[in-house]
Amino acid sequence: MRITVVMNEKAGTLAGSDAGAVANGVRTAFAHAGHTVNIVLTKPQTMMGALRRVFTTPPDAVVVGGGDGTLNAALNLMGRAPVALGVLPLGTMNLTARDLGLPPDPVDAAKALARGDIAAIDVATVGDLRFLHAAVLGFYPWMVLDRERARRRKGLAKWPAMIRAGWRALFRRHELEVEVLLDTDTGETARITTPLLVVANNRFIDGAGPVPSRASLADGELAVYVAETRGPLSLLRLAFAVAAGHWETAPGIHFAACRSLTVATKRRRLRLAIDGELTHMVPPLQFRLQHRRLDMIMPAGERRPAR
């Protein structure tokens, strides 16, 4: 198989490492499995241009070396290109890579992918944007914004900046007045004031811990989590519940599964975190689930996308 690996040489897990040496290890892993591999090592500011060029004349597969945001960018740049997508976990959270069962080391991940299979997984959309993990409204997008400001202005590392943002978020109002219409058999509509609304591409494992993890990537459902809490203490209890991974069983969180939903509000624009990256969209927001629309490279001997 012809594989192009596009790697962000400044990605989080490469900090302090020799990016060239890691790239050579990745190249060797794919070559030893019989693939024809091309490595593109690029800086963050040129990553999007490199991906566009690759998808203009795509190989059989494109493997993205970066975090969830970089993987999301590739997903939205590839359009309908007849190419399989893969990921090397080089970011901070690497949520999709974790759900695929990839080892955290990029060279070990490359070895697993090189001997793996291609399987179709679900893709979620909001408007014209596609995503693999989740879209979030409420206090979390504000935390991402505050984190990035702290990194730029105070020089903080990503995790300390996020902890700071989480503490500051407790003392701000984040409530959104929304109307949620689920495309279910009942056509259920709910009006709710919420500090947190999460639309996940397939449901999270309840009780899995602080990192949201999914058992399946191809169950064909959107998982909707809406919190109904007010005030700092209530928000703190919600934060502890989410940190424990109690997405479906925590008091104050409403859960529903559907194939599509609409989120309406009187606000002119909504701030969202989509696969960890900030964007703004004009409501109403139309979410859809595209069942098994993406060919993904699965690691050998690890979790498959469907049960």
Protein backbone atom coordinates (compact mmCIF):
# COMPACT_ATOMS: atom_id res chain seq x y z
CA MET A 1 0.00 0.00 0.00
CA ARG A 2 1.20 3.53 -0.79
CA ILE A 3 1.19 5.52 2.45
CA THR A 4 2.03 9.16 3.08
CA VAL A 5 2.72 10.11 6.70
CA VAL A 6 2.36 13.83 7.48
CA MET A 7 3.93 14.61 10.85
CA ASN A 8 3.83 17.77 12.93
CA GLU A 9 7.43 18.04 14.11
CA LYS A 10 6.40 20.36 16.96
CA ALA A 11 3.56 18.17 18.24
CA GLY A 12 3.22 17.70 22.00
CA THR A 13 4.73 14.23 22.39
CA LEU A 14 7.73 15.15 20.23
CA ALA A 15 8.80 17.92 22.60
CA GLY A 16 12.40 17.26 23.56
CA SER A 17 12.68 14.44 21.01
CA ASP A 18 14.56 14.21 17.73
CA ALA A 19 11.68 14.53 15.24
CA GLY A 20 13.88 13.27 12.43
CA ALA A 21 14.77 10.12 14.35
CA VAL A 22 11.11 9.47 15.16
CA ALA A 23 10.22 9.99 11.49
CA ASN A 24 12.88 7.46 10.46
CA GLY A 25 11.49 4.96 12.97
CA VAL A 26 8.00 5.45 11.54
CA ARG A 27 9.33 5.04 7.99
CA THR A 28 11.09 1.80 8.90
CA ALA A 29 7.98 0.40 10.62
CA PHE A 30 5.83 0.83 7.50
CA ALA A 31 8.58 -0.24 5.08
CA HIS A 32 9.25 -3.49 6.98
CA ALA A 33 5.59 -4.39 6.56
CA GLY A 34 5.92 -4.03 2.77
CA HIS A 35 4.38 -0.58 2.31
CA THR A 36 5.72 2.19 0.09
CA VAL A 37 5.98 5.11 2.49
CA ASN A 38 6.61 8.82 2.09
CA ILE A 39 7.26 10.93 5.19
CA VAL A 40 6.37 14.63 5.20
CA LEU A 41 7.81 16.35 8.28
CA THR A 42 6.28 19.81 8.67
CA LYS A 43 5.88 22.67 11.12
CA PRO A 44 2.50 23.58 12.66
CA GLN A 45 2.08 26.66 10.48
CA THR A 46 2.60 24.65 7.28
CA MET A 47 0.65 21.53 8.34
CA MET A 48 -2.58 22.48 6.57
CA GLY A 49 -0.79 23.26 3.33
CA ALA A 50 1.05 19.94 3.46
CA LEU A 51 -2.22 18.05 3.99
CA ARG A 52 -3.92 19.89 1.12
CA ARG A 53 -1.11 18.92 -1.23
CA VAL A 54 -1.27 15.28 -0.16
CA PHE A 55 -5.04 15.07 -0.70
CA THR A 56 -4.75 16.70 -4.15
CA THR A 57 -3.16 13.51 -5.51
CA PRO A 58 -3.77 11.11 -2.63
CA PRO A 59 -1.97 7.79 -2.06
CA ASP A 60 -3.82 4.73 -0.79
CA ALA A 61 -3.63 5.98 2.80
CA VAL A 62 -2.69 9.14 4.67
CA VAL A 63 -1.44 8.84 8.24
CA VAL A 64 -1.56 12.02 10.30
CA GLY A 65 1.06 12.52 13.01
CA GLY A 66 -0.48 14.99 15.44
CA GLY A 67 -3.26 15.48 17.94
CA ASP A 68 -7.04 15.31 17.64
CA GLY A 69 -7.20 18.78 16.12
CA THR A 70 -4.75 17.89 13.37
CA LEU A 71 -6.64 14.68 12.64
CA ASN A 72 -9.86 16.69 12.45
CA ALA A 73 -8.26 19.10 10.00
CA ALA A 74 -7.24 16.19 7.77
CA LEU A 75 -10.75 14.75 7.97
CA ASN A 76 -12.25 18.02 6.75
CA LEU A 77 -9.60 18.62 4.08
CA MET A 78 -9.83 15.17 2.49
CA GLY A 79 -13.39 15.64 1.22
CA ARG A 80 -14.40 12.58 -0.78
CA ALA A 81 -10.86 11.50 -1.61
CA PRO A 82 -10.76 7.68 -1.95
CA VAL A 83 -8.14 7.28 0.75
CA ALA A 84 -7.89 5.57 4.12
CA LEU A 85 -6.97 7.69 7.11
CA GLY A 86 -4.64 6.80 9.96
CA VAL A 87 -3.24 8.58 13.00
CA LEU A 88 -0.04 8.59 15.00
CA PRO A 89 -0.66 9.88 18.56
CA LEU A 90 1.52 12.98 18.78
CA GLY A 91 -0.90 15.31 20.58
CA THR A 92 -1.82 15.91 24.21
CA MET A 93 -5.02 13.87 24.57
CA ASN A 94 -5.02 11.68 21.42
CA LEU A 95 -8.63 10.69 22.07
CA THR A 96 -9.35 8.95 18.77
CA ALA A 97 -5.98 7.19 18.83
CA ARG A 98 -6.79 5.88 22.33
CA ASP A 99 -10.19 4.62 21.16
CA LEU A 100 -8.48 2.80 18.29
CA GLY A 101 -6.25 1.04 20.81
CA LEU A 102 -3.00 2.56 19.55
CA PRO A 103 0.06 2.54 21.82
CA PRO A 104 1.18 6.05 22.86
CA ASP A 105 4.66 5.79 21.35
CA PRO A 106 4.53 6.94 17.69
CA VAL A 107 6.94 4.30 16.40
CA ASP A 108 5.06 1.53 18.21
CA ALA A 109 1.82 2.98 16.83
CA ALA A 110 3.29 2.92 13.32
CA LYS A 111 4.22 -0.75 13.76
CA ALA A 112 0.65 -1.54 14.85
CA LEU A 113 -0.85 0.34 11.90
CA ALA A 114 1.60 -1.13 9.40
CA ARG A 115 0.26 -4.64 10.09
CA GLY A 116 -3.31 -3.56 10.69
CA ASP A 117 -6.52 -3.54 8.69
CA ILE A 118 -8.82 -0.95 7.16
CA ALA A 119 -12.35 -0.71 8.55
CA ALA A 120 -15.18 1.80 8.15
CA ILE A 121 -16.03 4.01 11.14
CA ASP A 122 -18.70 6.62 11.83
CA VAL A 123 -18.30 10.32 11.11
CA ALA A 124 -20.36 13.01 12.84
CA THR A 125 -21.13 16.38 11.32
CA VAL A 126 -22.28 19.77 12.54
CA GLY A 127 -23.19 21.95 9.61
CA ASP A 128 -20.44 21.48 7.03
CA LEU A 129 -17.83 20.37 9.58
CA ARG A 130 -17.02 16.74 10.23
CA PHE A 131 -15.69 15.36 13.50
CA LEU A 132 -14.55 12.04 14.95
CA HIS A 133 -14.80 12.49 18.71
CA ALA A 134 -17.10 15.19 20.07
CA ALA A 135 -18.46 18.71 19.75
CA VAL A 136 -18.89 20.62 23.02
CA LEU A 137 -20.75 23.79 23.99
CA GLY A 138 -20.69 25.65 27.30
CA PHE A 139 -17.87 26.03 29.79
CA TYR A 140 -15.39 23.68 28.09
CA PRO A 141 -14.91 25.82 24.95
CA TRP A 142 -14.35 28.81 27.25
CA MET A 143 -11.69 26.78 29.09
CA VAL A 144 -9.93 26.02 25.80
CA LEU A 145 -9.98 29.73 24.92
CA ASP A 146 -8.67 30.72 28.35
CA ARG A 147 -6.01 28.01 28.19
CA GLU A 148 -4.66 29.29 24.88
CA ARG A 149 -4.61 32.87 26.14
CA ALA A 150 -2.61 31.78 29.18
CA ARG A 151 -0.17 29.89 26.98
CA ARG A 152 0.39 32.94 24.79
CA ARG A 153 0.47 35.61 27.49
CA LYS A 154 1.97 33.75 30.46
CA GLY A 155 4.02 31.08 28.72
CA LEU A 156 2.31 28.25 30.58
CA ALA A 157 2.46 24.67 29.35
CA LYS A 158 -0.77 23.15 28.07
CA TRP A 159 -1.80 21.14 31.15
CA PRO A 160 -1.05 23.83 33.77
CA ALA A 161 -2.90 26.33 31.58
CA MET A 162 -5.91 23.97 31.38
CA ILE A 163 -5.98 23.42 35.16
CA ARG A 164 -5.91 27.19 35.65
CA ALA A 165 -8.73 27.61 33.13
CA GLY A 166 -10.80 24.95 34.90
CA TRP A 167 -10.51 26.76 38.23
CA ARG A 168 -11.39 30.11 36.66
CA ALA A 169 -14.38 28.55 34.89
CA LEU A 170 -16.04 27.77 38.23
CA PHE A 171 -16.56 31.47 38.91
CA ARG A 172 -18.04 32.47 35.57
CA ARG A 173 -21.53 32.06 34.19
CA HIS A 174 -21.62 29.64 31.26
CA GLU A 175 -25.32 28.82 31.02
CA LEU A 176 -26.84 28.53 27.57
CA GLU A 177 -30.57 28.61 26.98
CA VAL A 178 -31.09 26.05 24.22
CA GLU A 179 -33.82 24.07 22.59
CA VAL A 180 -32.76 20.56 21.63
CA LEU A 181 -34.73 18.58 19.06
CA LEU A 182 -33.83 14.89 18.83
CA ASP A 183 -34.53 12.95 15.66
CA THR A 184 -35.94 9.94 17.46
CA ASP A 185 -39.20 8.02 17.19
CA THR A 186 -40.80 10.46 19.63
CA GLY A 187 -39.36 13.62 18.07
CA GLU A 188 -38.54 14.78 21.59
CA THR A 189 -37.91 18.48 22.13
CA ALA A 190 -36.37 19.86 25.31
CA ARG A 191 -35.83 23.44 26.43
CA ILE A 192 -33.04 23.63 28.95
CA THR A 193 -30.52 25.99 30.52
CA THR A 194 -27.17 24.24 30.54
CA PRO A 195 -23.48 24.98 31.22
CA LEU A 196 -22.38 21.95 29.18
CA LEU A 197 -23.74 20.19 26.11
CA VAL A 198 -21.73 17.40 24.50
CA VAL A 199 -22.52 15.67 21.21
CA ALA A 200 -20.25 12.62 20.86
CA ASN A 201 -19.67 10.42 17.85
CA ASN A 202 -20.87 7.22 19.61
CA ARG A 203 -21.30 7.04 23.38
CA PHE A 204 -18.67 7.27 26.07
CA ILE A 205 -17.96 4.32 28.36
CA ASP A 206 -19.58 5.25 31.66
CA GLY A 207 -17.15 5.25 34.57
CA ALA A 208 -14.03 4.97 32.40
CA GLY A 209 -12.22 7.83 34.14
CA PRO A 210 -11.19 11.38 33.24
CA VAL A 211 -10.41 10.67 29.58
CA PRO A 212 -13.65 10.11 27.61
CA SER A 213 -13.37 6.70 25.96
CA ARG A 214 -15.68 4.93 23.53
CA ALA A 215 -16.23 1.19 23.24
CA SER A 216 -17.25 1.43 19.58
CA LEU A 217 -16.57 3.79 16.70
CA ALA A 218 -19.30 2.38 14.47
CA ASP A 219 -22.48 1.89 16.50
CA GLY A 220 -24.24 4.44 14.32
CA GLU A 221 -25.39 6.88 17.00
CA LEU A 222 -24.80 10.33 18.35
CA ALA A 223 -24.53 10.42 22.14
CA VAL A 224 -25.94 13.62 23.63
CA TYR A 225 -25.03 14.70 27.17
CA VAL A 226 -26.73 17.79 28.58
CA ALA A 227 -25.94 19.06 32.07
CA GLU A 228 -28.58 20.83 34.14
CA THR A 229 -26.69 22.60 36.91
CA ARG A 230 -26.35 26.15 38.22
CA GLY A 231 -23.80 27.92 40.41
CA PRO A 232 -20.14 27.18 41.30
CA LEU A 233 -20.83 24.32 43.73
CA SER A 234 -23.15 22.57 41.30
CA LEU A 235 -20.61 23.08 38.51
CA LEU A 236 -17.85 21.68 40.74
CA ARG A 237 -19.92 18.54 41.43
CA LEU A 238 -20.45 18.19 37.68
CA ALA A 239 -16.71 18.54 37.07
CA PHE A 240 -15.96 15.74 39.57
CA ALA A 241 -18.59 13.50 37.97
CA VAL A 242 -17.16 14.09 34.50
CA ALA A 243 -13.61 13.54 35.80
CA ALA A 244 -14.77 10.16 37.08
CA GLY A 245 -16.25 9.41 33.67
CA HIS A 246 -19.87 9.26 34.85
CA TRP A 247 -21.38 10.60 31.67
CA GLU A 248 -24.66 8.68 31.75
CA THR A 249 -25.20 8.10 35.45
CA ALA A 250 -24.18 11.38 37.09
CA PRO A 251 -27.01 13.37 38.69
CA GLY A 252 -27.85 16.41 36.61
CA ILE A 253 -26.72 14.97 33.27
CA HIS A 254 -29.38 14.02 30.75
CA PHE A 255 -28.37 11.43 28.15
CA ALA A 256 -29.94 10.54 24.81
CA ALA A 257 -28.86 8.58 21.74
CA CYS A 258 -30.01 9.58 18.25
CA ARG A 259 -28.92 9.81 14.60
CA SER A 260 -29.44 13.57 14.31
CA LEU A 261 -30.36 16.56 16.43
CA THR A 262 -30.86 20.31 16.23
CA VAL A 263 -29.66 22.78 18.85
CA ALA A 264 -31.37 26.17 18.68
CA THR A 265 -30.80 29.30 20.77
CA LYS A 266 -31.48 33.02 20.66
CA ARG A 267 -27.75 33.75 20.58
CA ARG A 268 -26.32 34.96 17.29
CA ARG A 269 -23.21 32.80 17.52
CA LEU A 270 -22.13 29.81 19.55
CA ARG A 271 -18.61 28.89 20.57
CA LEU A 272 -17.84 25.18 20.14
CA ALA A 273 -14.88 22.93 20.80
CA ILE A 274 -14.84 20.37 17.99
CA ASP A 275 -12.32 17.59 18.56
CA GLY A 276 -10.60 19.98 20.94
CA GLU A 277 -10.35 22.92 18.53
CA LEU A 278 -12.34 26.14 18.86
CA THR A 279 -14.77 27.42 16.27
CA HIS A 280 -17.84 29.68 16.12
CA MET A 281 -21.06 28.78 14.34
CA VAL A 282 -24.40 30.45 13.70
CA PRO A 283 -27.34 28.55 15.24
CA PRO A 284 -29.39 26.50 14.84
CA LEU A 285 -26.76 23.76 14.84
CA GLN A 286 -27.62 20.68 12.78
CA PHE A 287 -25.85 17.52 13.93
CA ARG A 288 -25.87 14.35 11.81
CA LEU A 289 -24.33 10.89 12.02
CA GLN A 290 -22.81 9.37 8.89
CA HIS A 291 -22.65 5.65 9.54
CA ARG A 292 -19.37 3.99 8.53
CA ARG A 293 -18.40 6.74 6.10
CA LEU A 294 -14.65 6.82 6.78
CA ASP A 295 -12.08 4.14 6.05
CA MET A 296 -9.71 4.08 9.00
CA ILE A 297 -6.51 2.11 9.50
CA MET A 298 -6.96 -0.09 12.56
CA PRO A 299 -4.01 -1.39 14.59
CA ALA A 300 -3.33 -5.09 14.37
CA GLY A 301 -4.79 -7.15 17.17
CA GLU A 302 -6.49 -4.21 18.89
CA ARG A 303 -10.02 -2.91 19.35
CA ARG A 304 -12.22 -2.95 16.28
CA PRO A 305 -14.69 -0.17 15.52
CA ALA A 306 -17.85 -2.25 16.00
CA ARG A 307 -18.87 -4.99 18.35
